[in-house]
C-alpha atoms as a PDB file:
ATOM      1  CA  UNK A   1       0.055  -0.224  -0.125  1.00  0.00           C
ATOM      2  CA  UNK A   2       1.260   3.433  -0.767  1.00  0.00           C
ATOM      3  CA  UNK A   3       0.861   5.912   1.792  1.00  0.00           C
ATOM      4  CA  UNK A   4       1.676   9.945   0.998  1.00  0.00           C
ATOM      5  CA  UNK A   5       2.345  13.007   3.359  1.00  0.00           C
ATOM      6  CA  UNK A   6       0.497  15.816   3.424  1.00  0.00           C
ATOM      7  CA  UNK A   7       1.808  18.685   5.164  1.00  0.00           C
ATOM      8  CA  UNK A   8      -0.394  21.148   7.165  1.00  0.00           C
ATOM      9  CA  UNK A   9       0.995  23.988   8.930  1.00  0.00           C
ATOM     10  CA  UNK A  10       0.725  23.854  12.952  1.00  0.00           C
ATOM     11  CA  UNK A  11      -0.882  27.481  12.930  1.00  0.00           C
ATOM     12  CA  UNK A  12      -3.668  26.241  10.556  1.00  0.00           C
ATOM     13  CA  UNK A  13      -4.650  23.273  13.120  1.00  0.00           C
ATOM     14  CA  UNK A  14      -4.071  25.726  15.800  1.00  0.00           C
ATOM     15  CA  UNK A  15      -6.613  28.204  14.063  1.00  0.00           C
ATOM     16  CA  UNK A  16      -8.888  25.278  13.337  1.00  0.00           C
ATOM     17  CA  UNK A  17      -8.432  24.701  16.809  1.00  0.00           C
ATOM     18  CA  UNK A  18      -7.835  20.897  16.117  1.00  0.00           C
ATOM     19  CA  UNK A  19      -5.357  17.883  16.871  1.00  0.00           C
ATOM     20  CA  UNK A  20      -4.064  15.914  13.973  1.00  0.00           C
ATOM     21  CA  UNK A  21      -6.059  13.198  14.816  1.00  0.00           C
ATOM     22  CA  UNK A  22      -8.792  14.816  15.283  1.00  0.00           C
ATOM     23  CA  UNK A  23      -8.469  16.657  11.432  1.00  0.00           C
ATOM     24  CA  UNK A  24      -8.534  12.744  10.386  1.00  0.00           C
ATOM     25  CA  UNK A  25     -11.741  12.274  11.643  1.00  0.00           C
ATOM     26  CA  UNK A  26     -12.994  14.877  10.457  1.00  0.00           C
ATOM     27  CA  UNK A  27     -11.950  14.166   6.617  1.00  0.00           C
ATOM     28  CA  UNK A  28     -12.912  10.253   7.459  1.00  0.00           C
ATOM     29  CA  UNK A  29     -16.664  11.808   8.326  1.00  0.00           C
ATOM     30  CA  UNK A  30     -16.692  14.404   5.342  1.00  0.00           C
ATOM     31  CA  UNK A  31     -15.405  11.659   2.980  1.00  0.00           C
ATOM     32  CA  UNK A  32     -17.968   9.195   3.970  1.00  0.00           C
ATOM     33  CA  UNK A  33     -21.087  11.096   4.258  1.00  0.00           C
ATOM     34  CA  UNK A  34     -20.250  12.840   0.583  1.00  0.00           C
ATOM     35  CA  UNK A  35     -20.376   8.931  -0.152  1.00  0.00           C
ATOM     36  CA  UNK A  36     -16.853   9.176  -1.206  1.00  0.00           C
ATOM     37  CA  UNK A  37     -15.414   6.556   1.746  1.00  0.00           C
ATOM     38  CA  UNK A  38     -16.872   3.464   2.728  1.00  0.00           C
ATOM     39  CA  UNK A  39     -17.914   3.200   6.837  1.00  0.00           C
ATOM     40  CA  UNK A  40     -15.071   0.547   6.876  1.00  0.00           C
ATOM     41  CA  UNK A  41     -12.002   2.934   5.297  1.00  0.00           C
ATOM     42  CA  UNK A  42     -13.621   5.858   6.605  1.00  0.00           C
ATOM     43  CA  UNK A  43     -13.159   4.380   9.952  1.00  0.00           C
ATOM     44  CA  UNK A  44      -9.854   2.535   9.215  1.00  0.00           C
ATOM     45  CA  UNK A  45      -8.670   6.354   8.495  1.00  0.00           C
ATOM     46  CA  UNK A  46     -10.263   7.979  11.623  1.00  0.00           C
ATOM     47  CA  UNK A  47      -8.560   5.141  13.452  1.00  0.00           C
ATOM     48  CA  UNK A  48     -11.495   4.472  15.250  1.00  0.00           C
ATOM     49  CA  UNK A  49     -13.791   1.337  16.024  1.00  0.00           C
ATOM     50  CA  UNK A  50     -16.641   0.453  13.758  1.00  0.00           C
ATOM     51  CA  UNK A  51     -18.846   0.989  17.088  1.00  0.00           C
ATOM     52  CA  UNK A  52     -16.926   4.515  17.539  1.00  0.00           C
ATOM     53  CA  UNK A  53     -17.719   6.135  14.033  1.00  0.00           C
ATOM     54  CA  UNK A  54     -20.957   4.675  13.977  1.00  0.00           C
ATOM     55  CA  UNK A  55     -21.629   6.424  17.388  1.00  0.00           C
ATOM     56  CA  UNK A  56     -20.086   9.737  15.573  1.00  0.00           C
ATOM     57  CA  UNK A  57     -22.153   9.214  12.573  1.00  0.00           C
ATOM     58  CA  UNK A  58     -24.987   9.197  14.874  1.00  0.00           C
ATOM     59  CA  UNK A  59     -23.735  12.383  17.006  1.00  0.00           C
ATOM     60  CA  UNK A  60     -23.696  14.234  13.945  1.00  0.00           C
ATOM     61  CA  UNK A  61     -26.655  12.995  12.639  1.00  0.00           C
ATOM     62  CA  UNK A  62     -24.781  11.508   9.276  1.00  0.00           C
ATOM     63  CA  UNK A  63     -27.508   8.440   7.997  1.00  0.00           C
ATOM     64  CA  UNK A  64     -25.733   5.274   7.471  1.00  0.00           C
ATOM     65  CA  UNK A  65     -25.158   4.633   3.534  1.00  0.00           C
ATOM     66  CA  UNK A  66     -27.714   1.642   3.334  1.00  0.00           C
ATOM     67  CA  UNK A  67     -29.385   0.963  -0.467  1.00  0.00           C
ATOM     68  CA  UNK A  68     -31.640  -1.299  -1.642  1.00  0.00           C
ATOM     69  CA  UNK A  69     -28.854  -3.384  -3.116  1.00  0.00           C
ATOM     70  CA  UNK A  70     -27.256  -3.778   0.364  1.00  0.00           C
ATOM     71  CA  UNK A  71     -30.871  -4.520   1.924  1.00  0.00           C
ATOM     72  CA  UNK A  72     -31.197  -7.721  -0.588  1.00  0.00           C
ATOM     73  CA  UNK A  73     -28.085  -9.120  -0.178  1.00  0.00           C
ATOM     74  CA  UNK A  74     -28.113  -8.958   3.125  1.00  0.00           C
ATOM     75  CA  UNK A  75     -31.896 -10.987   2.815  1.00  0.00           C
ATOM     76  CA  UNK A  76     -30.364 -13.416   0.824  1.00  0.00           C
ATOM     77  CA  UNK A  77     -27.834 -13.915   2.783  1.00  0.00           C
ATOM     78  CA  UNK A  78     -29.715 -14.186   6.015  1.00  0.00           C
ATOM     79  CA  UNK A  79     -32.374 -16.521   4.328  1.00  0.00           C
ATOM     80  CA  UNK A  80     -29.288 -19.056   3.050  1.00  0.00           C
ATOM     81  CA  UNK A  81     -28.584 -19.268   7.047  1.00  0.00           C
ATOM     82  CA  UNK A  82     -31.691 -20.247   7.673  1.00  0.00           C
ATOM     83  CA  UNK A  83     -31.875 -22.904   5.249  1.00  0.00           C
ATOM     84  CA  UNK A  84     -29.128 -24.576   6.542  1.00  0.00           C
END
């Protein structure tokens, strides 16, 4: 996996009253809300557990991305588990 370095001047963090970890969390939330990152990748970027990230999204009233295709997939999985 490639990694990249993004330089952020300390005065920017100070002006925003954010730590680097908080900035990463803000970026992860924004990218998830825009549909640019999955919940798994967003929580990974924010270095939070899935529970912590979902709790944060709920506190900010950001709905989980769950569409009809995902519902159908989940229902199919449940049906296959029931038939075992």
